[in-house]
Every structure is written in C-alpha cells, then in structure tokens.
Amino acid sequence: MNKAVSDEIIGVLIATKREGMDKLLIHLEDSGFFTCPASTKFHGSYEGGLAKHSLGVYNLLTEICPLGIQEADTGRGQKPLPMDENTIV
C-alpha cells in the first residue's frame, strides 16, 4: 500500500464533510480498496493500483472540471449537470 496515496484519498473524502464518511472509510479499508490492484493483467496490476488509479481519475476530473464550476455540459444534448467539489469526489 502506498501510504501517500491512501492518505490523500482519505483527506479528500474527509474534506467533503458528508455524513457517514467514517463508515465509508472503514469499508474501503476492510474491502482492500487501498491494497487491491486495479486490474489483474493491465494498468495498475500491482498492490495499491486501484487506489492510485482512483486518485488519478479524481485528479484528472479536477483538471477537466475546475472546482467551483456550476454546471458541466454532458456533450450529448442532455441538460447540464450541477457540479461541485463533492460531486467530483
């Protein structure tokens, strides 16, 4: 397990201040989220790959949808989705 990755994920989740986050964090730990590979043969096929991949997706979304954005176009003719930091998390 990469402690820096798990610490960053935990910090991001706690920062949402959503009710029940403590239970989610326990579930993530108990389910092996921080130690499981993302894949058995492809990208992230190493211990902690799932957590590192998930953090990478979060970081990419924060670049694509800057925090504080009010709406994001789905690009498929659908109504814009409300976006905020917690939505991205």
PDB file of N, CA and C in Angstrom:
ATOM      1  N   MET A   1       0.859  -1.189   0.000  1.00  0.00           N
ATOM      2  CA  MET A   1       0.000   0.000   0.000  1.00  0.00           C
ATOM      3  C   MET A   1       0.889   1.231   0.000  1.00  0.00           C
ATOM      4  N   ASN A   2       0.546   2.183  -0.834  1.00  0.00           N
ATOM      5  CA  ASN A   2       1.244   3.460  -0.882  1.00  0.00           C
ATOM      6  C   ASN A   2       0.568   4.401   0.113  1.00  0.00           C
ATOM      7  N   LYS A   3       1.244   4.663   1.221  1.00  0.00           N
ATOM      8  CA  LYS A   3       0.661   5.471   2.294  1.00  0.00           C
ATOM      9  C   LYS A   3       0.316   6.878   1.826  1.00  0.00           C
ATOM     10  N   ALA A   4       1.141   7.460   0.968  1.00  0.00           N
ATOM     11  CA  ALA A   4       0.862   8.815   0.479  1.00  0.00           C
ATOM     12  C   ALA A   4      -0.446   8.847  -0.315  1.00  0.00           C
ATOM     13  N   VAL A   5      -0.678   7.822  -1.143  1.00  0.00           N
ATOM     14  CA  VAL A   5      -1.904   7.750  -1.936  1.00  0.00           C
ATOM     15  C   VAL A   5      -3.103   7.571  -1.013  1.00  0.00           C
ATOM     16  N   SER A   6      -3.015   6.622  -0.076  1.00  0.00           N
ATOM     17  CA  SER A   6      -4.153   6.388   0.815  1.00  0.00           C
ATOM     18  C   SER A   6      -4.426   7.611   1.685  1.00  0.00           C
ATOM     19  N   ASP A   7      -3.387   8.272   2.162  1.00  0.00           N
ATOM     20  CA  ASP A   7      -3.584   9.478   2.969  1.00  0.00           C
ATOM     21  C   ASP A   7      -4.258  10.587   2.163  1.00  0.00           C
ATOM     22  N   GLU A   8      -3.878  10.726   0.894  1.00  0.00           N
ATOM     23  CA  GLU A   8      -4.502  11.762   0.057  1.00  0.00           C
ATOM     24  C   GLU A   8      -5.969  11.448  -0.201  1.00  0.00           C
ATOM     25  N   ILE A   9      -6.272  10.189  -0.496  1.00  0.00           N
ATOM     26  CA  ILE A   9      -7.664   9.792  -0.729  1.00  0.00           C
ATOM     27  C   ILE A   9      -8.491  10.035   0.529  1.00  0.00           C
ATOM     28  N   ILE A  10      -7.982   9.618   1.666  1.00  0.00           N
ATOM     29  CA  ILE A  10      -8.699   9.817   2.934  1.00  0.00           C
ATOM     30  C   ILE A  10      -8.926  11.300   3.185  1.00  0.00           C
ATOM     31  N   GLY A  11      -7.924  12.124   2.936  1.00  0.00           N
ATOM     32  CA  GLY A  11      -8.073  13.570   3.126  1.00  0.00           C
ATOM     33  C   GLY A  11      -9.140  14.170   2.231  1.00  0.00           C
ATOM     34  N   VAL A  12      -9.160  13.743   0.972  1.00  0.00           N
ATOM     35  CA  VAL A  12     -10.161  14.246   0.020  1.00  0.00           C
ATOM     36  C   VAL A  12     -11.562  13.846   0.475  1.00  0.00           C
ATOM     37  N   LEU A  13     -11.717  12.595   0.890  1.00  0.00           N
ATOM     38  CA  LEU A  13     -13.034  12.128   1.322  1.00  0.00           C
ATOM     39  C   LEU A  13     -13.498  12.831   2.601  1.00  0.00           C
ATOM     40  N   ILE A  14     -12.616  12.976   3.556  1.00  0.00           N
ATOM     41  CA  ILE A  14     -12.981  13.644   4.815  1.00  0.00           C
ATOM     42  C   ILE A  14     -13.357  15.096   4.566  1.00  0.00           C
ATOM     43  N   ALA A  15     -12.688  15.732   3.620  1.00  0.00           N
ATOM     44  CA  ALA A  15     -12.953  17.147   3.333  1.00  0.00           C
ATOM     45  C   ALA A  15     -14.375  17.393   2.829  1.00  0.00           C
ATOM     46  N   THR A  16     -15.053  16.359   2.343  1.00  0.00           N
ATOM     47  CA  THR A  16     -16.431  16.542   1.882  1.00  0.00           C
ATOM     48  C   THR A  16     -17.374  16.804   3.051  1.00  0.00           C
ATOM     49  N   LYS A  17     -16.985  16.355   4.238  1.00  0.00           N
ATOM     50  CA  LYS A  17     -17.788  16.511   5.456  1.00  0.00           C
ATOM     51  C   LYS A  17     -19.173  15.879   5.308  1.00  0.00           C
ATOM     52  N   ARG A  18     -19.259  14.868   4.456  1.00  0.00           N
ATOM     53  CA  ARG A  18     -20.529  14.177   4.285  1.00  0.00           C
ATOM     54  C   ARG A  18     -20.766  13.213   5.442  1.00  0.00           C
ATOM     55  N   GLU A  19     -22.016  13.118   5.827  1.00  0.00           N
ATOM     56  CA  GLU A  19     -22.408  12.207   6.895  1.00  0.00           C
ATOM     57  C   GLU A  19     -22.100  10.770   6.471  1.00  0.00           C
ATOM     58  N   GLY A  20     -21.574   9.986   7.389  1.00  0.00           N
ATOM     59  CA  GLY A  20     -21.289   8.584   7.122  1.00  0.00           C
ATOM     60  C   GLY A  20     -19.939   8.324   6.483  1.00  0.00           C
ATOM     61  N   MET A  21     -19.147   9.359   6.280  1.00  0.00           N
ATOM     62  CA  MET A  21     -17.844   9.178   5.639  1.00  0.00           C
ATOM     63  C   MET A  21     -16.950   8.255   6.459  1.00  0.00           C
ATOM     64  N   ASP A  22     -17.081   8.312   7.781  1.00  0.00           N
ATOM     65  CA  ASP A  22     -16.282   7.424   8.631  1.00  0.00           C
ATOM     66  C   ASP A  22     -16.591   5.963   8.315  1.00  0.00           C
ATOM     67  N   LYS A  23     -17.843   5.658   8.058  1.00  0.00           N
ATOM     68  CA  LYS A  23     -18.235   4.287   7.720  1.00  0.00           C
ATOM     69  C   LYS A  23     -17.706   3.890   6.337  1.00  0.00           C
ATOM     70  N   LEU A  24     -17.732   4.833   5.398  1.00  0.00           N
ATOM     71  CA  LEU A  24     -17.191   4.550   4.075  1.00  0.00           C
ATOM     72  C   LEU A  24     -15.697   4.253   4.160  1.00  0.00           C
ATOM     73  N   LEU A  25     -14.970   5.032   4.937  1.00  0.00           N
ATOM     74  CA  LEU A  25     -13.536   4.821   5.070  1.00  0.00           C
ATOM     75  C   LEU A  25     -13.226   3.458   5.679  1.00  0.00           C
ATOM     76  N   ILE A  26     -14.012   3.047   6.655  1.00  0.00           N
ATOM     77  CA  ILE A  26     -13.844   1.715   7.250  1.00  0.00           C
ATOM     78  C   ILE A  26     -14.108   0.650   6.191  1.00  0.00           C
ATOM     79  N   HIS A  27     -15.161   0.846   5.399  1.00  0.00           N
ATOM     80  CA  HIS A  27     -15.489  -0.109   4.335  1.00  0.00           C
ATOM     81  C   HIS A  27     -14.358  -0.193   3.310  1.00  0.00           C
ATOM     82  N   LEU A  28     -13.817   0.952   2.905  1.00  0.00           N
ATOM     83  CA  LEU A  28     -12.730   0.941   1.929  1.00  0.00           C
ATOM     84  C   LEU A  28     -11.532   0.159   2.465  1.00  0.00           C
ATOM     85  N   GLU A  29     -11.202   0.388   3.711  1.00  0.00           N
ATOM     86  CA  GLU A  29     -10.084  -0.323   4.329  1.00  0.00           C
ATOM     87  C   GLU A  29     -10.375  -1.822   4.417  1.00  0.00           C
ATOM     88  N   ASP A  30     -11.554  -2.169   4.922  1.00  0.00           N
ATOM     89  CA  ASP A  30     -11.921  -3.582   5.107  1.00  0.00           C
ATOM     90  C   ASP A  30     -12.036  -4.345   3.784  1.00  0.00           C
ATOM     91  N   SER A  31     -12.430  -3.645   2.716  1.00  0.00           N
ATOM     92  CA  SER A  31     -12.628  -4.308   1.424  1.00  0.00           C
ATOM     93  C   SER A  31     -11.332  -4.448   0.628  1.00  0.00           C
ATOM     94  N   GLY A  32     -10.260  -3.840   1.116  1.00  0.00           N
ATOM     95  CA  GLY A  32      -8.987  -3.931   0.418  1.00  0.00           C
ATOM     96  C   GLY A  32      -8.783  -2.888  -0.662  1.00  0.00           C
ATOM     97  N   PHE A  33      -9.611  -1.858  -0.668  1.00  0.00           N
ATOM     98  CA  PHE A  33      -9.517  -0.817  -1.692  1.00  0.00           C
ATOM     99  C   PHE A  33      -8.104  -0.247  -1.804  1.00  0.00           C
ATOM    100  N   PHE A  34      -7.444  -0.046  -0.680  1.00  0.00           N
ATOM    101  CA  PHE A  34      -6.125   0.590  -0.688  1.00  0.00           C
ATOM    102  C   PHE A  34      -4.999  -0.372  -1.073  1.00  0.00           C
ATOM    103  N   THR A  35      -5.271  -1.668  -1.085  1.00  0.00           N
ATOM    104  CA  THR A  35      -4.226  -2.643  -1.402  1.00  0.00           C
ATOM    105  C   THR A  35      -4.498  -3.441  -2.677  1.00  0.00           C
ATOM    106  N   CYS A  36      -5.728  -3.461  -3.158  1.00  0.00           N
ATOM    107  CA  CYS A  36      -6.075  -4.245  -4.348  1.00  0.00           C
ATOM    108  C   CYS A  36      -5.460  -3.636  -5.610  1.00  0.00           C
ATOM    109  N   PRO A  37      -5.156  -4.499  -6.587  1.00  0.00           N
ATOM    110  CA  PRO A  37      -4.742  -3.969  -7.892  1.00  0.00           C
ATOM    111  C   PRO A  37      -5.959  -3.418  -8.635  1.00  0.00           C
ATOM    112  N   ALA A  38      -5.714  -2.550  -9.595  1.00  0.00           N
ATOM    113  CA  ALA A  38      -6.812  -2.020 -10.414  1.00  0.00           C
ATOM    114  C   ALA A  38      -7.237  -3.058 -11.455  1.00  0.00           C
ATOM    115  N   SER A  39      -6.321  -3.904 -11.856  1.00  0.00           N
ATOM    116  CA  SER A  39      -6.571  -4.905 -12.882  1.00  0.00           C
ATOM    117  C   SER A  39      -5.694  -6.118 -12.580  1.00  0.00           C
ATOM    118  N   THR A  40      -6.067  -7.257 -13.133  1.00  0.00           N
ATOM    119  CA  THR A  40      -5.241  -8.445 -12.914  1.00  0.00           C
ATOM    120  C   THR A  40      -4.096  -8.556 -13.912  1.00  0.00           C
ATOM    121  N   LYS A  41      -4.246  -7.917 -15.098  1.00  0.00           N
ATOM    122  CA  LYS A  41      -3.218  -8.045 -16.131  1.00  0.00           C
ATOM    123  C   LYS A  41      -2.783  -6.717 -16.749  1.00  0.00           C
ATOM    124  N   PHE A  42      -3.585  -5.683 -16.630  1.00  0.00           N
ATOM    125  CA  PHE A  42      -3.313  -4.459 -17.371  1.00  0.00           C
ATOM    126  C   PHE A  42      -2.886  -3.330 -16.436  1.00  0.00           C
ATOM    127  N   HIS A  43      -3.313  -2.093 -16.701  1.00  0.00           N
ATOM    128  CA  HIS A  43      -2.838  -0.961 -15.912  1.00  0.00           C
ATOM    129  C   HIS A  43      -3.172  -1.132 -14.434  1.00  0.00           C
ATOM    130  N   GLY A  44      -2.245  -0.735 -13.605  1.00  0.00           N
ATOM    131  CA  GLY A  44      -2.472  -0.799 -12.167  1.00  0.00           C
ATOM    132  C   GLY A  44      -2.506  -2.207 -11.615  1.00  0.00           C
ATOM    133  N   SER A  45      -1.841  -3.145 -12.285  1.00  0.00           N
ATOM    134  CA  SER A  45      -1.877  -4.535 -11.823  1.00  0.00           C
ATOM    135  C   SER A  45      -0.790  -4.784 -10.778  1.00  0.00           C
ATOM    136  N   TYR A  46      -0.859  -4.010  -9.718  1.00  0.00           N
ATOM    137  CA  TYR A  46       0.093  -4.123  -8.616  1.00  0.00           C
ATOM    138  C   TYR A  46      -0.624  -3.731  -7.328  1.00  0.00           C
ATOM    139  N   GLU A  47      -0.029  -4.090  -6.201  1.00  0.00           N
ATOM    140  CA  GLU A  47      -0.645  -3.768  -4.915  1.00  0.00           C
ATOM    141  C   GLU A  47      -0.853  -2.260  -4.803  1.00  0.00           C
ATOM    142  N   GLY A  48      -2.074  -1.858  -4.494  1.00  0.00           N
ATOM    143  CA  GLY A  48      -2.415  -0.451  -4.359  1.00  0.00           C
ATOM    144  C   GLY A  48      -2.804   0.219  -5.663  1.00  0.00           C
ATOM    145  N   GLY A  49      -2.838  -0.552  -6.750  1.00  0.00           N
ATOM    146  CA  GLY A  49      -3.148   0.020  -8.062  1.00  0.00           C
ATOM    147  C   GLY A  49      -4.538   0.619  -8.161  1.00  0.00           C
ATOM    148  N   LEU A  50      -5.517   0.014  -7.484  1.00  0.00           N
ATOM    149  CA  LEU A  50      -6.886   0.534  -7.534  1.00  0.00           C
ATOM    150  C   LEU A  50      -6.964   1.922  -6.896  1.00  0.00           C
ATOM    151  N   ALA A  51      -6.352   2.077  -5.747  1.00  0.00           N
ATOM    152  CA  ALA A  51      -6.368   3.376  -5.067  1.00  0.00           C
ATOM    153  C   ALA A  51      -5.633   4.424  -5.898  1.00  0.00           C
ATOM    154  N   LYS A  52      -4.467   4.052  -6.434  1.00  0.00           N
ATOM    155  CA  LYS A  52      -3.696   5.009  -7.229  1.00  0.00           C
ATOM    156  C   LYS A  52      -4.461   5.400  -8.487  1.00  0.00           C
ATOM    157  N   HIS A  53      -5.101   4.434  -9.149  1.00  0.00           N
ATOM    158  CA  HIS A  53      -5.895   4.731 -10.340  1.00  0.00           C
ATOM    159  C   HIS A  53      -7.070   5.649  -9.986  1.00  0.00           C
ATOM    160  N   SER A  54      -7.751   5.339  -8.902  1.00  0.00           N
ATOM    161  CA  SER A  54      -8.904   6.149  -8.478  1.00  0.00           C
ATOM    162  C   SER A  54      -8.492   7.577  -8.177  1.00  0.00           C
ATOM    163  N   LEU A  55      -7.365   7.743  -7.515  1.00  0.00           N
ATOM    164  CA  LEU A  55      -6.865   9.090  -7.228  1.00  0.00           C
ATOM    165  C   LEU A  55      -6.501   9.809  -8.521  1.00  0.00           C
ATOM    166  N   GLY A  56      -5.949   9.074  -9.478  1.00  0.00           N
ATOM    167  CA  GLY A  56      -5.628   9.670 -10.775  1.00  0.00           C
ATOM    168  C   GLY A  56      -6.863  10.152 -11.513  1.00  0.00           C
ATOM    169  N   VAL A  57      -7.940   9.378 -11.449  1.00  0.00           N
ATOM    170  CA  VAL A  57      -9.204   9.781 -12.078  1.00  0.00           C
ATOM    171  C   VAL A  57      -9.729  11.044 -11.408  1.00  0.00           C
ATOM    172  N   TYR A  58      -9.693  11.079 -10.093  1.00  0.00           N
ATOM    173  CA  TYR A  58     -10.132  12.276  -9.351  1.00  0.00           C
ATOM    174  C   TYR A  58      -9.302  13.486  -9.773  1.00  0.00           C
ATOM    175  N   ASN A  59      -7.995  13.338  -9.809  1.00  0.00           N
ATOM    176  CA  ASN A  59      -7.126  14.468 -10.176  1.00  0.00           C
ATOM    177  C   ASN A  59      -7.405  14.940 -11.596  1.00  0.00           C
ATOM    178  N   LEU A  60      -7.644  14.011 -12.519  1.00  0.00           N
ATOM    179  CA  LEU A  60      -7.968  14.385 -13.898  1.00  0.00           C
ATOM    180  C   LEU A  60      -9.293  15.139 -13.950  1.00  0.00           C
ATOM    181  N   LEU A  61     -10.288  14.675 -13.216  1.00  0.00           N
ATOM    182  CA  LEU A  61     -11.584  15.364 -13.204  1.00  0.00           C
ATOM    183  C   LEU A  61     -11.469  16.775 -12.637  1.00  0.00           C
ATOM    184  N   THR A  62     -10.617  16.964 -11.645  1.00  0.00           N
ATOM    185  CA  THR A  62     -10.467  18.316 -11.097  1.00  0.00           C
ATOM    186  C   THR A  62      -9.786  19.245 -12.093  1.00  0.00           C
ATOM    187  N   GLU A  63      -9.012  18.672 -13.013  1.00  0.00           N
ATOM    188  CA  GLU A  63      -8.422  19.488 -14.075  1.00  0.00           C
ATOM    189  C   GLU A  63      -9.449  19.809 -15.146  1.00  0.00           C
ATOM    190  N   ILE A  64     -10.262  18.822 -15.515  1.00  0.00           N
ATOM    191  CA  ILE A  64     -11.259  18.998 -16.565  1.00  0.00           C
ATOM    192  C   ILE A  64     -12.412  19.875 -16.093  1.00  0.00           C
ATOM    193  N   CYS A  65     -12.860  19.653 -14.875  1.00  0.00           N
ATOM    194  CA  CYS A  65     -13.982  20.392 -14.291  1.00  0.00           C
ATOM    195  C   CYS A  65     -13.450  21.179 -13.100  1.00  0.00           C
ATOM    196  N   PRO A  66     -12.921  22.358 -13.334  1.00  0.00           N
ATOM    197  CA  PRO A  66     -12.351  23.118 -12.222  1.00  0.00           C
ATOM    198  C   PRO A  66     -13.343  23.232 -11.065  1.00  0.00           C
ATOM    199  N   LEU A  67     -12.810  23.080  -9.853  1.00  0.00           N
ATOM    200  CA  LEU A  67     -13.668  23.136  -8.671  1.00  0.00           C
ATOM    201  C   LEU A  67     -14.392  24.469  -8.612  1.00  0.00           C
ATOM    202  N   GLY A  68     -15.639  24.405  -8.232  1.00  0.00           N
ATOM    203  CA  GLY A  68     -16.440  25.614  -8.156  1.00  0.00           C
ATOM    204  C   GLY A  68     -17.281  25.828  -9.404  1.00  0.00           C
ATOM    205  N   ILE A  69     -17.095  24.994 -10.420  1.00  0.00           N
ATOM    206  CA  ILE A  69     -17.897  25.138 -11.633  1.00  0.00           C
ATOM    207  C   ILE A  69     -19.366  24.870 -11.281  1.00  0.00           C
ATOM    208  N   GLN A  70     -20.255  25.618 -11.845  1.00  0.00           N
ATOM    209  CA  GLN A  70     -21.665  25.493 -11.505  1.00  0.00           C
ATOM    210  C   GLN A  70     -22.367  24.437 -12.344  1.00  0.00           C
ATOM    211  N   GLU A  71     -22.004  24.329 -13.600  1.00  0.00           N
ATOM    212  CA  GLU A  71     -22.649  23.354 -14.474  1.00  0.00           C
ATOM    213  C   GLU A  71     -21.623  22.817 -15.460  1.00  0.00           C
ATOM    214  N   ALA A  72     -21.790  21.579 -15.845  1.00  0.00           N
ATOM    215  CA  ALA A  72     -20.925  20.977 -16.861  1.00  0.00           C
ATOM    216  C   ALA A  72     -21.801  20.415 -17.968  1.00  0.00           C
ATOM    217  N   ASP A  73     -21.450  20.713 -19.206  1.00  0.00           N
ATOM    218  CA  ASP A  73     -22.194  20.199 -20.350  1.00  0.00           C
ATOM    219  C   ASP A  73     -21.831  18.735 -20.547  1.00  0.00           C
ATOM    220  N   THR A  74     -22.817  17.883 -20.684  1.00  0.00           N
ATOM    221  CA  THR A  74     -22.568  16.458 -20.871  1.00  0.00           C
ATOM    222  C   THR A  74     -22.082  16.156 -22.280  1.00  0.00           C
ATOM    223  N   GLY A  75     -22.283  17.086 -23.209  1.00  0.00           N
ATOM    224  CA  GLY A  75     -21.836  16.890 -24.578  1.00  0.00           C
ATOM    225  C   GLY A  75     -22.716  15.959 -25.385  1.00  0.00           C
ATOM    226  N   ARG A  76     -23.816  15.531 -24.826  1.00  0.00           N
ATOM    227  CA  ARG A  76     -24.691  14.592 -25.528  1.00  0.00           C
ATOM    228  C   ARG A  76     -26.101  15.144 -25.667  1.00  0.00           C
ATOM    229  N   GLY A  77     -26.227  16.450 -25.627  1.00  0.00           N
ATOM    230  CA  GLY A  77     -27.529  17.063 -25.774  1.00  0.00           C
ATOM    231  C   GLY A  77     -28.395  16.955 -24.534  1.00  0.00           C
ATOM    232  N   GLN A  78     -27.814  16.501 -23.445  1.00  0.00           N
ATOM    233  CA  GLN A  78     -28.564  16.394 -22.202  1.00  0.00           C
ATOM    234  C   GLN A  78     -28.441  17.694 -21.424  1.00  0.00           C
ATOM    235  N   LYS A  79     -29.288  17.843 -20.434  1.00  0.00           N
ATOM    236  CA  LYS A  79     -29.227  19.031 -19.596  1.00  0.00           C
ATOM    237  C   LYS A  79     -27.905  19.057 -18.836  1.00  0.00           C
ATOM    238  N   PRO A  80     -27.369  20.249 -18.593  1.00  0.00           N
ATOM    239  CA  PRO A  80     -26.129  20.355 -17.817  1.00  0.00           C
ATOM    240  C   PRO A  80     -26.308  19.750 -16.421  1.00  0.00           C
ATOM    241  N   LEU A  81     -25.225  19.177 -15.928  1.00  0.00           N
ATOM    242  CA  LEU A  81     -25.231  18.580 -14.598  1.00  0.00           C
ATOM    243  C   LEU A  81     -24.660  19.566 -13.587  1.00  0.00           C
ATOM    244  N   PRO A  82     -25.290  19.679 -12.415  1.00  0.00           N
ATOM    245  CA  PRO A  82     -24.683  20.528 -11.396  1.00  0.00           C
ATOM    246  C   PRO A  82     -23.395  19.883 -10.913  1.00  0.00           C
ATOM    247  N   MET A  83     -22.342  20.676 -10.835  1.00  0.00           N
ATOM    248  CA  MET A  83     -21.036  20.138 -10.419  1.00  0.00           C
ATOM    249  C   MET A  83     -20.489  20.980  -9.275  1.00  0.00           C
ATOM    250  N   ASP A  84     -19.983  20.322  -8.291  1.00  0.00           N
ATOM    251  CA  ASP A  84     -19.241  20.984  -7.248  1.00  0.00           C
ATOM    252  C   ASP A  84     -18.167  20.015  -6.777  1.00  0.00           C
ATOM    253  N   GLU A  85     -17.351  20.417  -5.846  1.00  0.00           N
ATOM    254  CA  GLU A  85     -16.243  19.587  -5.408  1.00  0.00           C
ATOM    255  C   GLU A  85     -16.713  18.215  -4.924  1.00  0.00           C
ATOM    256  N   ASN A  86     -17.790  18.174  -4.161  1.00  0.00           N
ATOM    257  CA  ASN A  86     -18.286  16.900  -3.634  1.00  0.00           C
ATOM    258  C   ASN A  86     -18.780  15.986  -4.752  1.00  0.00           C
ATOM    259  N   THR A  87     -19.327  16.558  -5.817  1.00  0.00           N
ATOM    260  CA  THR A  87     -19.757  15.750  -6.950  1.00  0.00           C
ATOM    261  C   THR A  87     -18.558  15.076  -7.593  1.00  0.00           C
ATOM    262  N   ILE A  88     -17.484  15.809  -7.753  1.00  0.00           N
ATOM    263  CA  ILE A  88     -16.277  15.256  -8.343  1.00  0.00           C
ATOM    264  C   ILE A  88     -15.696  14.177  -7.427  1.00  0.00           C
ATOM    265  N   VAL A  89     -15.661  14.428  -6.142  1.00  0.00           N
ATOM    266  CA  VAL A  89     -15.154  13.427  -5.193  1.00  0.00           C
ATOM    267  C   VAL A  89     -16.011  12.189  -5.267  1.00  0.00           C
TER     268      VAL A  89
END
